[in-house]
Amino acid sequence: MENTELGPQPLDSLIDAWGLGNHDLVEASIEQLTHKQTQRARKGRRLSLKMMQKLARALNVAIWQRLTDEERAVFFEYLHKHLFNYAKGYEATWTDPNTAMMAAVAEGGRKLRKN
């Protein structure tokens, strides 16, 4: 029997590092993402590829909406393999290229931009 509970995922720490919450991802998603799905993903419930990709898109949009035009030009979009340690292609040694930008967004408590 396959274990479906895999512990906190990289997604969890990324959401926190960007100064976001579950509601920010749900609000940013246009794909009917729920708070329950987001919480399960953060806590390590094994998800389908489709659901992992949906969460990756929601995270990218939630971040994108808080960036300046200059930051948007250099923002590295996350893929599901960066967010889940059980995803095919996951690399534990991967270094996030958005680290400096992440701190600026989280510390500033930036709100959504509508454009």
N, C-alpha and C. Protein backbone atom coordinates (compact mmCIF):
# COMPACT_ATOMS: atom_id res chain seq x y z
N MET A 1 0.84 -1.19 0.00
CA MET A 1 0.00 0.00 0.00
C MET A 1 0.88 1.25 0.00
N GLU A 2 0.53 2.19 -0.85
CA GLU A 2 1.32 3.40 -1.01
C GLU A 2 0.97 4.42 0.07
N ASN A 3 2.00 5.07 0.62
CA ASN A 3 1.80 6.10 1.64
C ASN A 3 1.29 7.37 0.97
N THR A 4 0.17 7.89 1.47
CA THR A 4 -0.40 9.11 0.87
C THR A 4 -0.07 10.36 1.68
N GLU A 5 0.51 10.20 2.86
CA GLU A 5 0.89 11.34 3.69
C GLU A 5 2.41 11.46 3.67
N LEU A 6 2.92 12.50 3.04
CA LEU A 6 4.35 12.63 2.80
C LEU A 6 5.03 13.76 3.56
N GLY A 7 4.33 14.38 4.49
CA GLY A 7 4.92 15.45 5.29
C GLY A 7 4.91 16.78 4.55
N PRO A 8 5.24 17.85 5.26
CA PRO A 8 5.22 19.19 4.64
C PRO A 8 6.06 19.23 3.36
N GLN A 9 5.52 19.89 2.38
CA GLN A 9 6.13 19.96 1.06
C GLN A 9 6.86 21.29 0.85
N PRO A 10 7.75 21.35 -0.14
CA PRO A 10 8.40 22.63 -0.47
C PRO A 10 7.38 23.75 -0.74
N LEU A 11 6.22 23.39 -1.27
CA LEU A 11 5.14 24.37 -1.51
C LEU A 11 4.82 25.13 -0.22
N ASP A 12 4.75 24.41 0.89
CA ASP A 12 4.42 25.01 2.17
C ASP A 12 5.40 26.12 2.56
N SER A 13 6.68 25.83 2.46
CA SER A 13 7.68 26.84 2.84
C SER A 13 7.73 27.98 1.82
N LEU A 14 7.46 27.71 0.55
CA LEU A 14 7.43 28.78 -0.46
C LEU A 14 6.27 29.74 -0.21
N ILE A 15 5.12 29.20 0.12
CA ILE A 15 3.96 30.06 0.40
C ILE A 15 4.29 30.99 1.56
N ASP A 16 4.88 30.42 2.61
CA ASP A 16 5.26 31.22 3.78
C ASP A 16 6.33 32.25 3.42
N ALA A 17 7.34 31.82 2.66
CA ALA A 17 8.46 32.71 2.32
C ALA A 17 8.01 33.90 1.48
N TRP A 18 7.02 33.71 0.64
CA TRP A 18 6.50 34.80 -0.19
C TRP A 18 5.50 35.67 0.58
N GLY A 19 5.20 35.30 1.83
CA GLY A 19 4.26 36.08 2.63
C GLY A 19 2.82 35.87 2.21
N LEU A 20 2.53 34.68 1.68
CA LEU A 20 1.19 34.36 1.20
C LEU A 20 0.50 33.42 2.17
N GLY A 21 -0.77 33.16 1.92
CA GLY A 21 -1.55 32.19 2.67
C GLY A 21 -2.38 31.36 1.71
N ASN A 22 -3.06 30.38 2.24
CA ASN A 22 -3.91 29.52 1.41
C ASN A 22 -4.92 30.34 0.62
N HIS A 23 -5.51 31.33 1.27
CA HIS A 23 -6.53 32.14 0.62
C HIS A 23 -5.98 32.89 -0.60
N ASP A 24 -4.73 33.30 -0.53
CA ASP A 24 -4.12 34.01 -1.66
C ASP A 24 -4.08 33.12 -2.90
N LEU A 25 -3.75 31.84 -2.72
CA LEU A 25 -3.72 30.92 -3.85
C LEU A 25 -5.12 30.64 -4.37
N VAL A 26 -6.06 30.45 -3.46
CA VAL A 26 -7.45 30.18 -3.87
C VAL A 26 -8.00 31.38 -4.64
N GLU A 27 -7.72 32.57 -4.15
CA GLU A 27 -8.20 33.80 -4.79
C GLU A 27 -7.55 34.01 -6.17
N ALA A 28 -6.29 33.65 -6.30
CA ALA A 28 -5.56 33.86 -7.55
C ALA A 28 -5.94 32.84 -8.62
N SER A 29 -6.37 31.68 -8.21
CA SER A 29 -6.65 30.61 -9.16
C SER A 29 -7.96 30.86 -9.92
N ILE A 30 -7.92 30.55 -11.22
CA ILE A 30 -9.15 30.63 -12.02
C ILE A 30 -9.68 29.22 -12.28
N GLU A 31 -9.10 28.23 -11.58
CA GLU A 31 -9.43 26.83 -11.82
C GLU A 31 -10.20 26.17 -10.67
N GLN A 32 -10.92 26.94 -9.90
CA GLN A 32 -11.72 26.42 -8.80
C GLN A 32 -10.90 25.65 -7.77
N LEU A 33 -9.79 26.21 -7.38
CA LEU A 33 -8.97 25.65 -6.32
C LEU A 33 -9.64 25.96 -4.99
N THR A 34 -9.63 24.99 -4.08
CA THR A 34 -10.27 25.20 -2.78
C THR A 34 -9.23 25.32 -1.67
N HIS A 35 -9.68 25.86 -0.54
CA HIS A 35 -8.81 25.96 0.63
C HIS A 35 -8.39 24.56 1.10
N LYS A 36 -9.31 23.63 1.04
CA LYS A 36 -9.02 22.26 1.49
C LYS A 36 -7.96 21.61 0.61
N GLN A 37 -8.04 21.79 -0.69
CA GLN A 37 -7.03 21.24 -1.61
C GLN A 37 -5.67 21.86 -1.33
N THR A 38 -5.65 23.17 -1.10
CA THR A 38 -4.39 23.86 -0.83
C THR A 38 -3.78 23.37 0.47
N GLN A 39 -4.58 23.23 1.50
CA GLN A 39 -4.08 22.76 2.79
C GLN A 39 -3.54 21.33 2.68
N ARG A 40 -4.24 20.47 1.98
CA ARG A 40 -3.77 19.09 1.80
C ARG A 40 -2.44 19.06 1.07
N ALA A 41 -2.29 19.91 0.07
CA ALA A 41 -1.04 19.97 -0.69
C ALA A 41 0.11 20.42 0.19
N ARG A 42 -0.13 21.41 1.02
CA ARG A 42 0.92 21.93 1.90
C ARG A 42 1.37 20.89 2.92
N LYS A 43 0.45 20.12 3.42
CA LYS A 43 0.75 19.17 4.49
C LYS A 43 1.27 17.83 3.97
N GLY A 44 1.27 17.62 2.67
CA GLY A 44 1.91 16.43 2.13
C GLY A 44 1.00 15.33 1.65
N ARG A 45 -0.25 15.62 1.40
CA ARG A 45 -1.13 14.61 0.83
C ARG A 45 -0.70 14.38 -0.61
N ARG A 46 -0.53 13.13 -1.01
CA ARG A 46 -0.12 12.82 -2.39
C ARG A 46 -1.22 13.28 -3.34
N LEU A 47 -0.83 14.07 -4.34
CA LEU A 47 -1.77 14.64 -5.30
C LEU A 47 -1.49 14.11 -6.70
N SER A 48 -2.49 14.23 -7.56
CA SER A 48 -2.31 13.87 -8.97
C SER A 48 -1.45 14.94 -9.65
N LEU A 49 -0.89 14.59 -10.78
CA LEU A 49 -0.10 15.54 -11.56
C LEU A 49 -0.94 16.77 -11.90
N LYS A 50 -2.17 16.55 -12.30
CA LYS A 50 -3.05 17.66 -12.66
C LYS A 50 -3.24 18.64 -11.49
N MET A 51 -3.42 18.09 -10.29
CA MET A 51 -3.61 18.95 -9.12
C MET A 51 -2.31 19.67 -8.75
N MET A 52 -1.17 18.99 -8.87
CA MET A 52 0.11 19.66 -8.60
C MET A 52 0.31 20.83 -9.55
N GLN A 53 -0.01 20.64 -10.82
CA GLN A 53 0.14 21.70 -11.81
C GLN A 53 -0.82 22.85 -11.54
N LYS A 54 -2.03 22.54 -11.10
CA LYS A 54 -3.01 23.58 -10.75
C LYS A 54 -2.48 24.45 -9.61
N LEU A 55 -1.90 23.83 -8.61
CA LEU A 55 -1.33 24.57 -7.49
C LEU A 55 -0.13 25.40 -7.91
N ALA A 56 0.69 24.87 -8.80
CA ALA A 56 1.84 25.63 -9.30
C ALA A 56 1.37 26.89 -10.04
N ARG A 57 0.35 26.74 -10.87
CA ARG A 57 -0.18 27.91 -11.59
C ARG A 57 -0.76 28.93 -10.63
N ALA A 58 -1.48 28.48 -9.62
CA ALA A 58 -2.08 29.40 -8.65
C ALA A 58 -0.99 30.14 -7.87
N LEU A 59 0.07 29.43 -7.47
CA LEU A 59 1.17 30.07 -6.76
C LEU A 59 1.83 31.13 -7.62
N ASN A 60 2.11 30.79 -8.87
CA ASN A 60 2.75 31.74 -9.78
C ASN A 60 1.89 32.99 -9.98
N VAL A 61 0.60 32.83 -10.14
CA VAL A 61 -0.30 33.97 -10.34
C VAL A 61 -0.36 34.81 -9.07
N ALA A 62 -0.46 34.17 -7.91
CA ALA A 62 -0.53 34.90 -6.64
C ALA A 62 0.73 35.74 -6.43
N ILE A 63 1.86 35.21 -6.80
CA ILE A 63 3.13 35.95 -6.68
C ILE A 63 3.17 37.06 -7.73
N TRP A 64 2.88 36.71 -8.97
CA TRP A 64 2.94 37.64 -10.11
C TRP A 64 2.12 38.90 -9.82
N GLN A 65 0.97 38.74 -9.19
CA GLN A 65 0.08 39.86 -8.92
C GLN A 65 0.66 40.84 -7.90
N ARG A 66 1.74 40.46 -7.24
CA ARG A 66 2.36 41.31 -6.23
C ARG A 66 3.69 41.91 -6.67
N LEU A 67 4.13 41.59 -7.87
CA LEU A 67 5.44 42.03 -8.35
C LEU A 67 5.36 43.34 -9.12
N THR A 68 6.45 44.09 -9.10
CA THR A 68 6.57 45.28 -9.92
C THR A 68 6.86 44.83 -11.36
N ASP A 69 6.78 45.75 -12.31
CA ASP A 69 7.07 45.41 -13.70
C ASP A 69 8.50 44.90 -13.85
N GLU A 70 9.43 45.51 -13.14
CA GLU A 70 10.84 45.09 -13.22
C GLU A 70 11.02 43.68 -12.67
N GLU A 71 10.34 43.39 -11.57
CA GLU A 71 10.42 42.05 -10.97
C GLU A 71 9.76 41.00 -11.87
N ARG A 72 8.67 41.38 -12.50
CA ARG A 72 7.98 40.44 -13.38
C ARG A 72 8.88 40.01 -14.54
N ALA A 73 9.72 40.91 -15.00
CA ALA A 73 10.60 40.61 -16.13
C ALA A 73 11.62 39.52 -15.79
N VAL A 74 11.98 39.38 -14.53
CA VAL A 74 13.00 38.40 -14.16
C VAL A 74 12.45 37.26 -13.28
N PHE A 75 11.15 37.26 -13.02
CA PHE A 75 10.54 36.23 -12.18
C PHE A 75 10.67 34.86 -12.82
N PHE A 76 11.14 33.89 -12.05
CA PHE A 76 11.24 32.50 -12.49
C PHE A 76 9.95 31.80 -12.04
N GLU A 77 9.19 31.28 -13.00
CA GLU A 77 7.93 30.60 -12.67
C GLU A 77 8.21 29.20 -12.16
N TYR A 78 7.54 28.86 -11.07
CA TYR A 78 7.70 27.55 -10.46
C TYR A 78 6.93 26.48 -11.23
N LEU A 79 7.52 25.32 -11.31
CA LEU A 79 6.86 24.14 -11.88
C LEU A 79 6.50 23.21 -10.73
N HIS A 80 5.64 22.25 -10.99
CA HIS A 80 5.24 21.33 -9.92
C HIS A 80 6.42 20.59 -9.32
N LYS A 81 7.46 20.36 -10.12
CA LYS A 81 8.63 19.64 -9.60
C LYS A 81 9.43 20.46 -8.58
N HIS A 82 9.18 21.76 -8.51
CA HIS A 82 9.83 22.60 -7.51
C HIS A 82 9.02 22.65 -6.21
N LEU A 83 7.76 22.21 -6.26
CA LEU A 83 6.85 22.38 -5.14
C LEU A 83 6.56 21.11 -4.36
N PHE A 84 6.81 19.96 -4.96
CA PHE A 84 6.45 18.69 -4.33
C PHE A 84 7.62 17.72 -4.38
N ASN A 85 8.03 17.21 -3.22
CA ASN A 85 9.21 16.36 -3.17
C ASN A 85 8.98 14.95 -3.70
N TYR A 86 7.77 14.62 -4.08
CA TYR A 86 7.48 13.32 -4.68
C TYR A 86 7.20 13.43 -6.18
N ALA A 87 7.30 14.64 -6.73
CA ALA A 87 7.06 14.86 -8.16
C ALA A 87 8.24 14.36 -8.98
N LYS A 88 7.94 13.85 -10.15
CA LYS A 88 8.99 13.41 -11.06
C LYS A 88 9.85 14.61 -11.43
N GLY A 89 11.17 14.46 -11.33
CA GLY A 89 12.08 15.55 -11.66
C GLY A 89 12.46 16.41 -10.48
N TYR A 90 11.94 16.12 -9.29
CA TYR A 90 12.26 16.92 -8.10
C TYR A 90 13.74 16.77 -7.77
N GLU A 91 14.38 17.90 -7.47
CA GLU A 91 15.79 17.90 -7.07
C GLU A 91 15.92 18.60 -5.72
N ALA A 92 16.35 17.87 -4.72
CA ALA A 92 16.48 18.41 -3.37
C ALA A 92 17.51 19.53 -3.30
N THR A 93 18.47 19.53 -4.22
CA THR A 93 19.54 20.53 -4.20
C THR A 93 19.23 21.77 -5.05
N TRP A 94 18.04 21.84 -5.62
CA TRP A 94 17.66 22.97 -6.47
C TRP A 94 17.69 24.27 -5.67
N THR A 95 18.24 25.32 -6.27
CA THR A 95 18.31 26.63 -5.65
C THR A 95 17.30 27.56 -6.31
N ASP A 96 16.48 28.18 -5.51
CA ASP A 96 15.43 29.06 -6.00
C ASP A 96 16.04 30.38 -6.50
N PRO A 97 15.87 30.71 -7.79
CA PRO A 97 16.42 31.97 -8.32
C PRO A 97 15.65 33.21 -7.88
N ASN A 98 14.51 33.02 -7.22
CA ASN A 98 13.68 34.16 -6.79
C ASN A 98 13.94 34.58 -5.35
N THR A 99 14.96 34.05 -4.71
CA THR A 99 15.16 34.26 -3.28
C THR A 99 15.22 35.74 -2.89
N ALA A 100 15.98 36.55 -3.58
CA ALA A 100 16.11 37.97 -3.24
C ALA A 100 14.77 38.69 -3.41
N MET A 101 14.09 38.41 -4.49
CA MET A 101 12.79 39.03 -4.77
C MET A 101 11.76 38.60 -3.72
N MET A 102 11.84 37.35 -3.33
CA MET A 102 10.92 36.78 -2.35
C MET A 102 10.95 37.57 -1.04
N ALA A 103 12.13 37.87 -0.57
CA ALA A 103 12.28 38.62 0.68
C ALA A 103 11.68 40.01 0.57
N ALA A 104 11.88 40.67 -0.55
CA ALA A 104 11.35 42.03 -0.76
C ALA A 104 9.82 42.03 -0.76
N VAL A 105 9.22 41.02 -1.39
CA VAL A 105 7.76 40.95 -1.46
C VAL A 105 7.18 40.61 -0.10
N ALA A 106 7.76 39.64 0.59
CA ALA A 106 7.24 39.21 1.89
C ALA A 106 7.37 40.30 2.94
N GLU A 107 8.51 40.96 2.99
CA GLU A 107 8.74 41.99 4.00
C GLU A 107 7.86 43.21 3.78
N GLY A 108 7.59 43.51 2.51
CA GLY A 108 6.76 44.68 2.21
C GLY A 108 5.29 44.44 2.41
N GLY A 109 4.89 43.19 2.59
CA GLY A 109 3.47 42.87 2.75
C GLY A 109 2.66 43.37 1.59
N ARG A 110 3.16 43.17 0.40
CA ARG A 110 2.53 43.72 -0.81
C ARG A 110 1.14 43.16 -1.06
N LYS A 111 0.31 44.03 -1.54
CA LYS A 111 -1.06 43.66 -1.90
C LYS A 111 -1.12 43.43 -3.41
N LEU A 112 -2.24 42.93 -3.84
CA LEU A 112 -2.45 42.62 -5.25
C LEU A 112 -2.40 43.87 -6.13
N ARG A 113 -1.81 43.67 -7.31
CA ARG A 113 -1.90 44.69 -8.36
C ARG A 113 -2.96 44.20 -9.32
N LYS A 114 -3.74 45.08 -9.79
CA LYS A 114 -4.85 44.68 -10.69
C LYS A 114 -4.45 44.71 -12.17
N ASN A 115 -3.21 45.09 -12.47
CA ASN A 115 -2.79 45.13 -13.88
C ASN A 115 -1.63 44.23 -14.12
